[in-house]
Amino acid sequence: MVKPKIGVVGIPGKWSTEVLADAVAKASGYRLVIDMAEVTAELDSGRLLYRGEDLTQLDALLVKKISAQYSPHTLDRLEMLRQLELAGVRVFSQVERIIRLIDRLSCTMSLYNARIPMPETRITEDPEAAAKAVEAFQAAVFKPLYSTKARGMTLIEHQSGPEQVANEIAEFRKQNPVMYIQKKRELPGKDLGMVFLAGEYLGAYARVGKQGVWNTTILSGGHYEGYQASDELIELASRAQAVFGLDFTTVDVAETDQGPVVFEVSAFGGFRGAHEGMGIDVPTRYVAHVMEALSA
């Protein structure tokens, strides 16, 4: 039996990309890591080329990471992959489903429409409305619409005074004219990554924040730990990920004194948190899911 040719879109040299490509190679005997910065779409010929190879001849493509950092250009790269779907290449997860998650506002509105509990959120281009949000929330987290791992996020506190708040809002607006503002919830020093493969819950890990740092990300000094989630949390995270129907994803959940909330559903999901916090080899399981789907 001829084994399928499966490519991996990611960041060459990065751990999560390489371990996924290794898992594909082990299962199929074929290994190809694709950097979207080097991909050319030929709409006249129908080919999508990477280093001389026509990607429309693949059987499947796994999208681990589309760019090192999210931006509107990330959406452009994803649009190019729709050419593969038209040619009959299976893309995991489906391109249109990933697109809904790249823009933080799109993800939030989808969760809001599904009645998923989230922190209090306001979106505005008006600096006066933003200042009122800071006053109402007392402490507000300003988030770029395109970012991961808390990059570019700014904590603005009402107690700083009107002039300082106005200055901090103005500084944030230089790069983010549409301001996404969430109330800073008091967390128990950690938040959770809840892992799903084809809608099936695999487990949860905690991102434990560094003392004195307001966010829990690994970039800010946090670390991963295992976590035994309650049935309530699993049900909430399951409802959140079901809105998007990804083949693999992680749902960011936090337990607060006002009940659990969902921060976001990841477009690609994290392998390292599952590996270090849960001891689970997600890439191998993910590839097994893809191989089964291709043989069905």
C-alpha atoms as a PDB file:
ATOM      1  CA  MET A   1       0.000   0.000   0.000  1.00  0.00           C
ATOM      2  CA  VAL A   2       1.305   3.427  -0.986  1.00  0.00           C
ATOM      3  CA  LYS A   3       1.554   5.702   2.024  1.00  0.00           C
ATOM      4  CA  PRO A   4       0.288   9.278   1.736  1.00  0.00           C
ATOM      5  CA  LYS A   5       2.546  12.270   1.184  1.00  0.00           C
ATOM      6  CA  ILE A   6       1.860  14.717   4.005  1.00  0.00           C
ATOM      7  CA  GLY A   7       3.491  18.136   4.319  1.00  0.00           C
ATOM      8  CA  VAL A   8       3.797  20.269   7.448  1.00  0.00           C
ATOM      9  CA  VAL A   9       3.435  24.044   7.338  1.00  0.00           C
ATOM     10  CA  GLY A  10       5.406  25.591  10.166  1.00  0.00           C
ATOM     11  CA  ILE A  11       8.532  27.421  11.237  1.00  0.00           C
ATOM     12  CA  PRO A  12      11.616  25.423  10.227  1.00  0.00           C
ATOM     13  CA  GLY A  13      13.810  24.686  13.223  1.00  0.00           C
ATOM     14  CA  LYS A  14      11.101  25.295  15.811  1.00  0.00           C
ATOM     15  CA  TRP A  15      10.462  22.401  18.182  1.00  0.00           C
ATOM     16  CA  SER A  16       6.727  21.986  17.604  1.00  0.00           C
ATOM     17  CA  THR A  17       7.117  22.072  13.822  1.00  0.00           C
ATOM     18  CA  GLU A  18       9.979  19.605  13.771  1.00  0.00           C
ATOM     19  CA  VAL A  19       8.418  17.060  16.153  1.00  0.00           C
ATOM     20  CA  LEU A  20       5.246  17.078  14.055  1.00  0.00           C
ATOM     21  CA  ALA A  21       7.259  16.573  10.864  1.00  0.00           C
ATOM     22  CA  ASP A  22       9.158  13.746  12.592  1.00  0.00           C
ATOM     23  CA  ALA A  23       5.873  12.071  13.532  1.00  0.00           C
ATOM     24  CA  VAL A  24       4.671  12.361   9.934  1.00  0.00           C
ATOM     25  CA  ALA A  25       7.927  10.876   8.637  1.00  0.00           C
ATOM     26  CA  LYS A  26       7.698   7.962  11.081  1.00  0.00           C
ATOM     27  CA  ALA A  27       4.152   7.159   9.990  1.00  0.00           C
ATOM     28  CA  SER A  28       4.483   7.773   6.250  1.00  0.00           C
ATOM     29  CA  GLY A  29       8.156   7.760   5.309  1.00  0.00           C
ATOM     30  CA  TYR A  30       7.831  11.275   3.880  1.00  0.00           C
ATOM     31  CA  ARG A  31       9.040  14.507   5.496  1.00  0.00           C
ATOM     32  CA  LEU A  32       8.507  18.039   4.217  1.00  0.00           C
ATOM     33  CA  VAL A  33       8.507  21.196   6.349  1.00  0.00           C
ATOM     34  CA  ILE A  34       7.061  24.172   4.456  1.00  0.00           C
ATOM     35  CA  ASP A  35       7.899  27.795   5.210  1.00  0.00           C
ATOM     36  CA  MET A  36       5.045  29.885   3.806  1.00  0.00           C
ATOM     37  CA  ALA A  37       7.434  32.792   3.189  1.00  0.00           C
ATOM     38  CA  GLU A  38       8.825  30.750   0.285  1.00  0.00           C
ATOM     39  CA  VAL A  39       5.524  29.559  -1.204  1.00  0.00           C
ATOM     40  CA  THR A  40       4.296  30.872  -4.553  1.00  0.00           C
ATOM     41  CA  ALA A  41       0.714  30.518  -5.760  1.00  0.00           C
ATOM     42  CA  GLU A  42       0.344  30.227  -9.540  1.00  0.00           C
ATOM     43  CA  LEU A  43      -3.324  30.765 -10.195  1.00  0.00           C
ATOM     44  CA  ASP A  44      -2.764  30.494 -13.945  1.00  0.00           C
ATOM     45  CA  SER A  45      -1.320  26.971 -13.677  1.00  0.00           C
ATOM     46  CA  GLY A  46      -3.110  25.954 -10.475  1.00  0.00           C
ATOM     47  CA  ARG A  47       0.178  25.065  -8.801  1.00  0.00           C
ATOM     48  CA  LEU A  48       1.316  26.037  -5.313  1.00  0.00           C
ATOM     49  CA  LEU A  49       5.106  25.862  -5.324  1.00  0.00           C
ATOM     50  CA  TYR A  50       7.622  25.448  -2.514  1.00  0.00           C
ATOM     51  CA  ARG A  51      11.286  25.057  -3.456  1.00  0.00           C
ATOM     52  CA  GLY A  52      10.311  23.601  -6.814  1.00  0.00           C
ATOM     53  CA  GLU A  53       7.774  21.145  -5.410  1.00  0.00           C
ATOM     54  CA  ASP A  54       4.107  21.406  -6.343  1.00  0.00           C
ATOM     55  CA  LEU A  55       2.178  21.181  -3.084  1.00  0.00           C
ATOM     56  CA  THR A  56      -1.056  20.379  -4.907  1.00  0.00           C
ATOM     57  CA  GLN A  57       0.412  16.894  -5.445  1.00  0.00           C
ATOM     58  CA  LEU A  58       0.423  16.183  -1.716  1.00  0.00           C
ATOM     59  CA  ASP A  59      -2.255  14.017  -0.164  1.00  0.00           C
ATOM     60  CA  ALA A  60      -2.538  16.169   2.943  1.00  0.00           C
ATOM     61  CA  LEU A  61      -1.119  19.177   4.709  1.00  0.00           C
ATOM     62  CA  LEU A  62      -0.865  19.809   8.451  1.00  0.00           C
ATOM     63  CA  VAL A  63      -0.790  23.464   9.466  1.00  0.00           C
ATOM     64  CA  LYS A  64       1.222  23.763  12.670  1.00  0.00           C
ATOM     65  CA  LYS A  65       2.217  27.406  12.414  1.00  0.00           C
ATOM     66  CA  ILE A  66       1.493  29.784   9.571  1.00  0.00           C
ATOM     67  CA  SER A  67       3.847  32.570  10.726  1.00  0.00           C
ATOM     68  CA  ALA A  68       6.049  33.338  13.723  1.00  0.00           C
ATOM     69  CA  GLN A  69       3.664  36.097  14.809  1.00  0.00           C
ATOM     70  CA  TYR A  70       0.047  36.751  13.883  1.00  0.00           C
ATOM     71  CA  SER A  71      -0.791  39.678  11.608  1.00  0.00           C
ATOM     72  CA  PRO A  72      -3.183  40.409   8.720  1.00  0.00           C
ATOM     73  CA  HIS A  73      -0.476  38.860   6.504  1.00  0.00           C
ATOM     74  CA  THR A  74      -1.123  35.575   8.292  1.00  0.00           C
ATOM     75  CA  LEU A  75      -4.586  35.604   6.747  1.00  0.00           C
ATOM     76  CA  ASP A  76      -3.029  36.115   3.305  1.00  0.00           C
ATOM     77  CA  ARG A  77      -0.873  33.024   3.782  1.00  0.00           C
ATOM     78  CA  LEU A  78      -3.891  30.997   4.837  1.00  0.00           C
ATOM     79  CA  GLU A  79      -5.849  32.151   1.794  1.00  0.00           C
ATOM     80  CA  MET A  80      -3.095  30.713  -0.390  1.00  0.00           C
ATOM     81  CA  LEU A  81      -3.670  27.302   1.180  1.00  0.00           C
ATOM     82  CA  ARG A  82      -7.250  27.299  -0.049  1.00  0.00           C
ATOM     83  CA  GLN A  83      -5.735  26.539  -3.459  1.00  0.00           C
ATOM     84  CA  LEU A  84      -4.721  23.143  -2.068  1.00  0.00           C
ATOM     85  CA  GLU A  85      -8.222  22.361  -0.871  1.00  0.00           C
ATOM     86  CA  LEU A  86      -9.538  23.196  -4.336  1.00  0.00           C
ATOM     87  CA  ALA A  87      -7.014  20.728  -5.769  1.00  0.00           C
ATOM     88  CA  GLY A  88      -8.255  17.999  -3.437  1.00  0.00           C
ATOM     89  CA  VAL A  89      -5.493  18.133  -0.827  1.00  0.00           C
ATOM     90  CA  ARG A  90      -6.802  17.527   2.706  1.00  0.00           C
ATOM     91  CA  VAL A  91      -5.738  20.380   4.986  1.00  0.00           C
ATOM     92  CA  PHE A  92      -5.761  19.845   8.750  1.00  0.00           C
ATOM     93  CA  SER A  93      -7.482  21.862  10.099  1.00  0.00           C
ATOM     94  CA  GLN A  94      -9.657  23.223   7.293  1.00  0.00           C
ATOM     95  CA  VAL A  95      -8.423  26.630   6.178  1.00  0.00           C
ATOM     96  CA  GLU A  96     -11.652  28.556   6.697  1.00  0.00           C
ATOM     97  CA  ARG A  97     -11.893  27.204  10.242  1.00  0.00           C
ATOM     98  CA  ILE A  98      -8.377  28.371  11.061  1.00  0.00           C
ATOM     99  CA  ILE A  99      -9.060  31.807   9.547  1.00  0.00           C
ATOM    100  CA  ARG A 100     -11.870  32.399  12.056  1.00  0.00           C
ATOM    101  CA  LEU A 101      -9.338  32.178  14.888  1.00  0.00           C
ATOM    102  CA  ILE A 102      -6.415  34.289  13.689  1.00  0.00           C
ATOM    103  CA  ASP A 103      -8.188  37.586  14.365  1.00  0.00           C
ATOM    104  CA  ARG A 104      -8.884  37.821  18.108  1.00  0.00           C
ATOM    105  CA  LEU A 105     -12.095  39.746  17.488  1.00  0.00           C
ATOM    106  CA  SER A 106     -13.443  37.082  15.121  1.00  0.00           C
ATOM    107  CA  CYS A 107     -12.724  34.392  17.704  1.00  0.00           C
ATOM    108  CA  THR A 108     -14.331  36.446  20.474  1.00  0.00           C
ATOM    109  CA  MET A 109     -17.500  37.191  18.528  1.00  0.00           C
ATOM    110  CA  SER A 110     -17.915  33.511  17.641  1.00  0.00           C
ATOM    111  CA  LEU A 111     -17.580  32.558  21.309  1.00  0.00           C
ATOM    112  CA  TYR A 112     -19.903  35.398  22.348  1.00  0.00           C
ATOM    113  CA  ASN A 113     -22.562  34.266  19.875  1.00  0.00           C
ATOM    114  CA  ALA A 114     -22.271  30.739  21.307  1.00  0.00           C
ATOM    115  CA  ARG A 115     -22.836  32.145  24.817  1.00  0.00           C
ATOM    116  CA  ILE A 116     -19.428  31.032  26.070  1.00  0.00           C
ATOM    117  CA  PRO A 117     -18.481  32.928  29.260  1.00  0.00           C
ATOM    118  CA  MET A 118     -15.542  35.301  28.757  1.00  0.00           C
ATOM    119  CA  PRO A 119     -14.055  38.237  30.651  1.00  0.00           C
ATOM    120  CA  GLU A 120     -15.961  41.505  30.217  1.00  0.00           C
ATOM    121  CA  THR A 121     -14.834  42.870  26.846  1.00  0.00           C
ATOM    122  CA  ARG A 122     -15.154  46.118  24.925  1.00  0.00           C
ATOM    123  CA  ILE A 123     -13.967  46.976  21.414  1.00  0.00           C
ATOM    124  CA  THR A 124     -13.591  50.544  20.251  1.00  0.00           C
ATOM    125  CA  GLU A 125     -11.551  52.993  18.177  1.00  0.00           C
ATOM    126  CA  ASP A 126     -12.542  55.884  20.456  1.00  0.00           C
ATOM    127  CA  PRO A 127      -9.908  56.775  23.103  1.00  0.00           C
ATOM    128  CA  GLU A 128     -12.565  58.315  25.347  1.00  0.00           C
ATOM    129  CA  ALA A 129     -14.576  55.096  25.279  1.00  0.00           C
ATOM    130  CA  ALA A 130     -11.373  53.195  26.021  1.00  0.00           C
ATOM    131  CA  ALA A 131     -10.730  55.416  29.049  1.00  0.00           C
ATOM    132  CA  LYS A 132     -14.272  54.756  30.259  1.00  0.00           C
ATOM    133  CA  ALA A 133     -13.622  51.029  29.934  1.00  0.00           C
ATOM    134  CA  VAL A 134     -10.519  51.376  32.115  1.00  0.00           C
ATOM    135  CA  GLU A 135     -12.580  53.275  34.682  1.00  0.00           C
ATOM    136  CA  ALA A 136     -15.330  50.658  34.631  1.00  0.00           C
ATOM    137  CA  PHE A 137     -12.923  47.715  34.827  1.00  0.00           C
ATOM    138  CA  GLN A 138     -10.392  49.429  37.162  1.00  0.00           C
ATOM    139  CA  ALA A 139      -7.713  47.273  35.561  1.00  0.00           C
ATOM    140  CA  ALA A 140      -7.958  46.530  31.837  1.00  0.00           C
ATOM    141  CA  VAL A 141      -5.872  44.410  29.487  1.00  0.00           C
ATOM    142  CA  PHE A 142      -5.502  45.942  26.009  1.00  0.00           C
ATOM    143  CA  LYS A 143      -4.874  43.189  23.457  1.00  0.00           C
ATOM    144  CA  PRO A 144      -3.744  43.438  19.815  1.00  0.00           C
ATOM    145  CA  LEU A 145      -6.170  41.769  17.432  1.00  0.00           C
ATOM    146  CA  TYR A 146      -3.303  39.724  15.991  1.00  0.00           C
ATOM    147  CA  SER A 147      -0.945  38.295  18.600  1.00  0.00           C
ATOM    148  CA  THR A 148      -0.019  35.151  20.510  1.00  0.00           C
ATOM    149  CA  LYS A 149       1.545  34.441  23.905  1.00  0.00           C
ATOM    150  CA  ALA A 150       0.540  37.897  25.264  1.00  0.00           C
ATOM    151  CA  ARG A 151       2.800  39.731  22.809  1.00  0.00           C
ATOM    152  CA  GLY A 152       1.855  43.399  22.660  1.00  0.00           C
ATOM    153  CA  MET A 153      -0.669  43.179  25.491  1.00  0.00           C
ATOM    154  CA  THR A 154      -0.787  46.173  27.833  1.00  0.00           C
ATOM    155  CA  LEU A 155      -2.208  46.396  31.343  1.00  0.00           C
ATOM    156  CA  ILE A 156      -3.737  49.835  32.038  1.00  0.00           C
ATOM    157  CA  GLU A 157      -4.987  50.627  35.542  1.00  0.00           C
ATOM    158  CA  HIS A 158      -7.458  53.321  36.547  1.00  0.00           C
ATOM    159  CA  GLN A 159      -5.481  54.150  39.688  1.00  0.00           C
ATOM    160  CA  SER A 160      -2.678  55.543  37.511  1.00  0.00           C
ATOM    161  CA  GLY A 161      -4.743  58.687  37.009  1.00  0.00           C
ATOM    162  CA  PRO A 162      -6.502  60.203  33.961  1.00  0.00           C
ATOM    163  CA  GLU A 163      -3.380  61.668  32.343  1.00  0.00           C
ATOM    164  CA  GLN A 164      -1.339  58.477  32.612  1.00  0.00           C
ATOM    165  CA  VAL A 165      -4.272  56.367  31.397  1.00  0.00           C
ATOM    166  CA  ALA A 166      -4.731  58.673  28.397  1.00  0.00           C
ATOM    167  CA  ASN A 167      -1.014  58.459  27.567  1.00  0.00           C
ATOM    168  CA  GLU A 168      -0.983  54.677  27.794  1.00  0.00           C
ATOM    169  CA  ILE A 169      -4.069  54.404  25.597  1.00  0.00           C
ATOM    170  CA  ALA A 170      -2.504  56.739  23.032  1.00  0.00           C
ATOM    171  CA  GLU A 171       0.661  54.642  22.994  1.00  0.00           C
ATOM    172  CA  PHE A 172      -1.306  51.414  22.474  1.00  0.00           C
ATOM    173  CA  ARG A 173      -3.386  53.035  19.702  1.00  0.00           C
ATOM    174  CA  LYS A 174      -0.272  53.777  17.630  1.00  0.00           C
ATOM    175  CA  GLN A 175      -0.136  50.126  16.611  1.00  0.00           C
ATOM    176  CA  ASN A 176      -3.720  49.138  17.400  1.00  0.00           C
ATOM    177  CA  PRO A 177      -6.347  51.610  16.154  1.00  0.00           C
ATOM    178  CA  VAL A 178      -9.092  49.085  16.940  1.00  0.00           C
ATOM    179  CA  MET A 179      -8.707  48.529  20.673  1.00  0.00           C
ATOM    180  CA  TYR A 180      -9.716  45.209  22.187  1.00  0.00           C
ATOM    181  CA  ILE A 181     -10.126  45.718  25.932  1.00  0.00           C
ATOM    182  CA  GLN A 182     -10.827  43.091  28.576  1.00  0.00           C
ATOM    183  CA  LYS A 183     -11.341  43.390  32.297  1.00  0.00           C
ATOM    184  CA  LYS A 184      -8.367  41.962  34.154  1.00  0.00           C
ATOM    185  CA  ARG A 185      -9.713  39.044  36.126  1.00  0.00           C
ATOM    186  CA  GLU A 186      -8.027  37.924  39.333  1.00  0.00           C
ATOM    187  CA  LEU A 187      -6.553  34.493  38.629  1.00  0.00           C
ATOM    188  CA  PRO A 188      -5.181  31.947  41.103  1.00  0.00           C
ATOM    189  CA  GLY A 189      -1.669  32.356  39.687  1.00  0.00           C
ATOM    190  CA  LYS A 190      -2.395  30.176  36.689  1.00  0.00           C
ATOM    191  CA  ASP A 191      -4.627  29.556  33.720  1.00  0.00           C
ATOM    192  CA  LEU A 192      -5.279  26.368  31.792  1.00  0.00           C
ATOM    193  CA  GLY A 193      -4.688  24.888  28.377  1.00  0.00           C
ATOM    194  CA  MET A 194      -7.308  22.252  27.635  1.00  0.00           C
ATOM    195  CA  VAL A 195      -6.338  19.988  24.761  1.00  0.00           C
ATOM    196  CA  PHE A 196      -8.669  18.489  22.131  1.00  0.00           C
ATOM    197  CA  LEU A 197      -8.013  16.178  19.193  1.00  0.00           C
ATOM    198  CA  ALA A 198     -10.884  15.811  16.714  1.00  0.00           C
ATOM    199  CA  GLY A 199     -13.219  17.097  19.420  1.00  0.00           C
ATOM    200  CA  GLU A 200     -12.028  14.529  21.975  1.00  0.00           C
ATOM    201  CA  TYR A 201     -10.683  15.867  25.263  1.00  0.00           C
ATOM    202  CA  LEU A 202      -7.112  14.669  25.915  1.00  0.00           C
ATOM    203  CA  GLY A 203      -6.327  16.494  29.145  1.00  0.00           C
ATOM    204  CA  ALA A 204      -5.288  19.825  30.623  1.00  0.00           C
ATOM    205  CA  TYR A 205      -2.133  21.584  31.721  1.00  0.00           C
ATOM    206  CA  ALA A 206      -1.625  24.729  33.757  1.00  0.00           C
ATOM    207  CA  ARG A 207       0.477  27.751  32.830  1.00  0.00           C
ATOM    208  CA  VAL A 208       1.758  28.915  36.203  1.00  0.00           C
ATOM    209  CA  GLY A 209       2.833  32.548  36.229  1.00  0.00           C
ATOM    210  CA  LYS A 210       6.076  33.925  37.571  1.00  0.00           C
ATOM    211  CA  GLN A 211       5.614  35.723  40.863  1.00  0.00           C
ATOM    212  CA  GLY A 212       5.029  39.431  40.368  1.00  0.00           C
ATOM    213  CA  VAL A 213       4.090  39.116  36.675  1.00  0.00           C
ATOM    214  CA  TRP A 214       0.478  39.863  35.711  1.00  0.00           C
ATOM    215  CA  ASN A 215       0.247  37.261  32.911  1.00  0.00           C
ATOM    216  CA  THR A 216       1.050  33.550  32.998  1.00  0.00           C
ATOM    217  CA  THR A 217       2.769  33.064  29.649  1.00  0.00           C
ATOM    218  CA  ILE A 218       5.987  31.118  29.277  1.00  0.00           C
ATOM    219  CA  LEU A 219       7.525  34.160  27.544  1.00  0.00           C
ATOM    220  CA  SER A 220       6.981  36.084  30.780  1.00  0.00           C
ATOM    221  CA  GLY A 221       8.653  33.451  32.947  1.00  0.00           C
ATOM    222  CA  GLY A 222       5.761  31.053  33.550  1.00  0.00           C
ATOM    223  CA  HIS A 223       6.028  27.280  33.449  1.00  0.00           C
ATOM    224  CA  TYR A 224       3.819  24.261  32.704  1.00  0.00           C
ATOM    225  CA  GLU A 225       2.317  21.883  35.238  1.00  0.00           C
ATOM    226  CA  GLY A 226      -0.177  19.058  35.019  1.00  0.00           C
ATOM    227  CA  TYR A 227      -3.766  19.789  35.993  1.00  0.00           C
ATOM    228  CA  GLN A 228      -6.827  17.671  36.733  1.00  0.00           C
ATOM    229  CA  ALA A 229      -9.777  19.606  35.300  1.00  0.00           C
ATOM    230  CA  SER A 230     -13.257  19.323  36.727  1.00  0.00           C
ATOM    231  CA  ASP A 231     -16.182  18.050  34.695  1.00  0.00           C
ATOM    232  CA  GLU A 232     -17.508  21.635  34.609  1.00  0.00           C
ATOM    233  CA  LEU A 233     -14.319  22.941  33.020  1.00  0.00           C
ATOM    234  CA  ILE A 234     -14.160  20.088  30.517  1.00  0.00           C
ATOM    235  CA  GLU A 235     -17.765  20.717  29.465  1.00  0.00           C
ATOM    236  CA  LEU A 236     -17.095  24.445  29.023  1.00  0.00           C
ATOM    237  CA  ALA A 237     -13.926  23.943  27.006  1.00  0.00           C
ATOM    238  CA  SER A 238     -15.633  21.290  24.894  1.00  0.00           C
ATOM    239  CA  ARG A 239     -18.448  23.683  24.000  1.00  0.00           C
ATOM    240  CA  ALA A 240     -15.924  26.399  23.128  1.00  0.00           C
ATOM    241  CA  GLN A 241     -13.816  24.266  20.781  1.00  0.00           C
ATOM    242  CA  ALA A 242     -16.922  22.794  19.130  1.00  0.00           C
ATOM    243  CA  VAL A 243     -17.762  26.267  17.779  1.00  0.00           C
ATOM    244  CA  PHE A 244     -14.792  26.012  15.407  1.00  0.00           C
ATOM    245  CA  GLY A 245     -14.456  22.302  14.602  1.00  0.00           C
ATOM    246  CA  LEU A 246     -10.664  22.108  14.426  1.00  0.00           C
ATOM    247  CA  ASP A 247      -8.810  18.812  14.148  1.00  0.00           C
ATOM    248  CA  PHE A 248      -6.491  19.863  16.975  1.00  0.00           C
ATOM    249  CA  THR A 249      -6.746  22.811  19.334  1.00  0.00           C
ATOM    250  CA  THR A 250      -6.150  24.109  22.838  1.00  0.00           C
ATOM    251  CA  VAL A 251      -8.768  26.107  24.737  1.00  0.00           C
ATOM    252  CA  ASP A 252      -7.413  28.726  27.152  1.00  0.00           C
ATOM    253  CA  VAL A 253      -9.553  28.684  30.299  1.00  0.00           C
ATOM    254  CA  ALA A 254      -9.207  30.449  33.644  1.00  0.00           C
ATOM    255  CA  GLU A 255     -10.877  29.820  36.970  1.00  0.00           C
ATOM    256  CA  THR A 256     -11.919  33.055  38.655  1.00  0.00           C
ATOM    257  CA  ASP A 257     -13.840  34.025  41.780  1.00  0.00           C
ATOM    258  CA  GLN A 258     -16.824  34.649  39.469  1.00  0.00           C
ATOM    259  CA  GLY A 259     -16.624  31.288  37.742  1.00  0.00           C
ATOM    260  CA  PRO A 260     -14.605  29.914  34.820  1.00  0.00           C
ATOM    261  CA  VAL A 261     -14.048  31.952  31.656  1.00  0.00           C
ATOM    262  CA  VAL A 262     -12.620  31.208  28.224  1.00  0.00           C
ATOM    263  CA  PHE A 263      -9.916  33.532  26.908  1.00  0.00           C
ATOM    264  CA  GLU A 264      -9.561  32.024  23.453  1.00  0.00           C
ATOM    265  CA  VAL A 265      -9.491  28.922  21.292  1.00  0.00           C
ATOM    266  CA  SER A 266      -6.133  28.400  19.612  1.00  0.00           C
ATOM    267  CA  ALA A 267      -5.881  28.266  15.836  1.00  0.00           C
ATOM    268  CA  PHE A 268      -3.148  25.625  16.064  1.00  0.00           C
ATOM    269  CA  GLY A 269      -2.872  24.374  19.647  1.00  0.00           C
ATOM    270  CA  GLY A 270       0.243  23.903  21.747  1.00  0.00           C
ATOM    271  CA  PHE A 271       2.348  20.724  21.748  1.00  0.00           C
ATOM    272  CA  ARG A 272       4.870  21.783  24.386  1.00  0.00           C
ATOM    273  CA  GLY A 273       2.313  22.407  27.119  1.00  0.00           C
ATOM    274  CA  ALA A 274       0.814  18.961  26.557  1.00  0.00           C
ATOM    275  CA  HIS A 275       4.292  17.404  26.518  1.00  0.00           C
ATOM    276  CA  GLU A 276       5.700  19.133  29.602  1.00  0.00           C
ATOM    277  CA  GLY A 277       2.496  19.486  31.599  1.00  0.00           C
ATOM    278  CA  MET A 278       0.664  16.286  30.685  1.00  0.00           C
ATOM    279  CA  GLY A 279       3.340  13.927  29.378  1.00  0.00           C
ATOM    280  CA  ILE A 280       1.328  13.348  26.203  1.00  0.00           C
ATOM    281  CA  ASP A 281       2.895  12.893  22.760  1.00  0.00           C
ATOM    282  CA  VAL A 282       0.332  14.922  20.830  1.00  0.00           C
ATOM    283  CA  PRO A 283       2.148  14.908  17.444  1.00  0.00           C
ATOM    284  CA  THR A 284       2.022  11.102  17.240  1.00  0.00           C
ATOM    285  CA  ARG A 285      -1.670  11.066  18.150  1.00  0.00           C
ATOM    286  CA  TYR A 286      -2.400  13.878  15.709  1.00  0.00           C
ATOM    287  CA  VAL A 287      -0.687  12.092  12.831  1.00  0.00           C
ATOM    288  CA  ALA A 288      -2.533   8.865  13.651  1.00  0.00           C
ATOM    289  CA  HIS A 289      -5.790  10.820  13.413  1.00  0.00           C
ATOM    290  CA  VAL A 290      -4.746  12.242  10.019  1.00  0.00           C
ATOM    291  CA  MET A 291      -3.699   8.830   8.670  1.00  0.00           C
ATOM    292  CA  GLU A 292      -7.041   7.365   9.735  1.00  0.00           C
ATOM    293  CA  ALA A 293      -8.954  10.233   8.124  1.00  0.00           C
ATOM    294  CA  LEU A 294      -7.063   9.783   4.848  1.00  0.00           C
ATOM    295  CA  SER A 295      -7.766   6.053   4.760  1.00  0.00           C
ATOM    296  CA  ALA A 296     -11.487   6.401   5.436  1.00  0.00           C
END
